[in-house]
Amino acid sequence: MDNQILLNINDSSKLAFFLEVIKKFDFVSVNKVITNNEAEGNTTKDYSLTSEQIRILEDRKQKHINNESSSFDWEDIKQELKSL
């Protein structure tokens, strides 16, 4: 069984940025996102990637493996999030 975690993002304006950041990790998948409005109605949305999006991610992953792209350590990411 995969490990799962439930997060509360208190600032909805930062949700898209957060999702974009965590989707860059090859070991993370986003299965469902529940917004405030949906939580009240107890509904969820399923998200899946198109084959084109998967191809783009695979290309980016290969560039990262080949040291052809930049990356950030966790401290850099935390500083970026704090500055928003």
Protein backbone atom coordinates (compact mmCIF):
# COMPACT_ATOMS: atom_id res chain seq x y z
CA MET A 1 0.00 0.00 0.00
CA ASP A 2 1.24 3.47 -0.87
CA ASN A 3 1.71 6.05 1.83
CA GLN A 4 -0.87 8.79 1.71
CA ILE A 5 -1.09 12.19 3.31
CA LEU A 6 -3.92 14.69 3.65
CA LEU A 7 -2.88 18.34 3.54
CA ASN A 8 -4.85 21.49 4.26
CA ILE A 9 -3.74 24.46 2.16
CA ASN A 10 -5.02 27.49 4.05
CA ASP A 11 -4.31 30.00 1.27
CA SER A 12 -6.24 28.95 -1.83
CA SER A 13 -4.21 31.33 -3.99
CA LYS A 14 -1.14 29.13 -3.41
CA LEU A 15 -2.82 25.79 -4.18
CA ALA A 16 -1.93 25.74 -7.89
CA PHE A 17 1.71 26.60 -7.16
CA PHE A 18 1.94 23.90 -4.49
CA LEU A 19 0.44 21.28 -6.82
CA GLU A 20 2.85 22.29 -9.58
CA VAL A 21 5.84 21.91 -7.24
CA ILE A 22 4.93 18.51 -5.81
CA LYS A 23 3.98 17.05 -9.22
CA LYS A 24 7.62 17.50 -10.26
CA PHE A 25 8.65 14.70 -7.92
CA ASP A 26 8.54 11.35 -9.71
CA PHE A 27 7.47 9.57 -6.52
CA VAL A 28 4.41 11.79 -5.87
CA SER A 29 1.01 11.60 -7.51
CA VAL A 30 -1.99 13.82 -6.87
CA ASN A 31 -5.12 11.70 -6.80
CA LYS A 32 -7.78 14.09 -5.54
CA VAL A 33 -8.10 17.77 -4.73
CA ILE A 34 -10.96 18.98 -2.58
CA THR A 35 -11.62 22.71 -2.65
CA ASN A 36 -13.45 24.61 0.11
CA ASN A 37 -16.67 24.73 -1.89
CA GLU A 38 -16.50 21.02 -2.67
CA ALA A 39 -15.66 20.09 0.92
CA GLU A 40 -18.96 21.55 2.02
CA GLY A 41 -20.76 19.36 -0.53
CA ASN A 42 -18.44 16.42 0.22
CA THR A 43 -17.46 15.97 -3.44
CA THR A 44 -14.01 15.39 -4.91
CA LYS A 45 -12.35 15.77 -8.29
CA ASP A 46 -10.11 13.15 -9.84
CA TYR A 47 -7.10 14.39 -11.77
CA SER A 48 -5.18 12.48 -14.37
CA LEU A 49 -2.48 13.45 -16.84
CA THR A 50 -2.83 13.30 -20.60
CA SER A 51 -0.29 11.33 -22.60
CA GLU A 52 1.24 14.64 -23.73
CA GLN A 53 1.63 15.82 -20.12
CA ILE A 54 3.25 12.50 -19.21
CA ARG A 55 5.64 12.83 -22.17
CA ILE A 56 6.60 16.35 -21.02
CA LEU A 57 7.24 15.11 -17.48
CA GLU A 58 9.33 12.20 -18.75
CA ASP A 59 11.38 14.62 -20.88
CA ARG A 60 11.91 16.88 -17.87
CA LYS A 61 12.85 13.91 -15.71
CA GLN A 62 15.44 12.77 -18.26
CA LYS A 63 16.90 16.27 -18.49
CA HIS A 64 17.17 16.32 -14.70
CA ILE A 65 18.90 12.92 -14.67
CA ASN A 66 21.32 14.17 -17.35
CA ASN A 67 22.00 17.35 -15.33
CA GLU A 68 20.55 19.44 -18.17
CA SER A 69 18.12 21.29 -15.90
CA SER A 70 18.23 23.12 -12.63
CA SER A 71 16.77 21.84 -9.40
CA PHE A 72 16.22 23.19 -5.92
CA ASP A 73 16.82 21.71 -2.53
CA TRP A 74 14.09 21.69 0.10
CA GLU A 75 15.43 24.81 1.83
CA ASP A 76 15.19 26.77 -1.45
CA ILE A 77 11.60 25.63 -1.92
CA LYS A 78 10.63 26.61 1.62
CA GLN A 79 12.13 30.07 1.12
CA GLU A 80 10.22 30.49 -2.15
CA LEU A 81 6.95 29.48 -0.49
CA LYS A 82 7.54 31.89 2.39
CA SER A 83 8.11 34.78 0.00
CA LEU A 84 4.71 34.37 -1.69
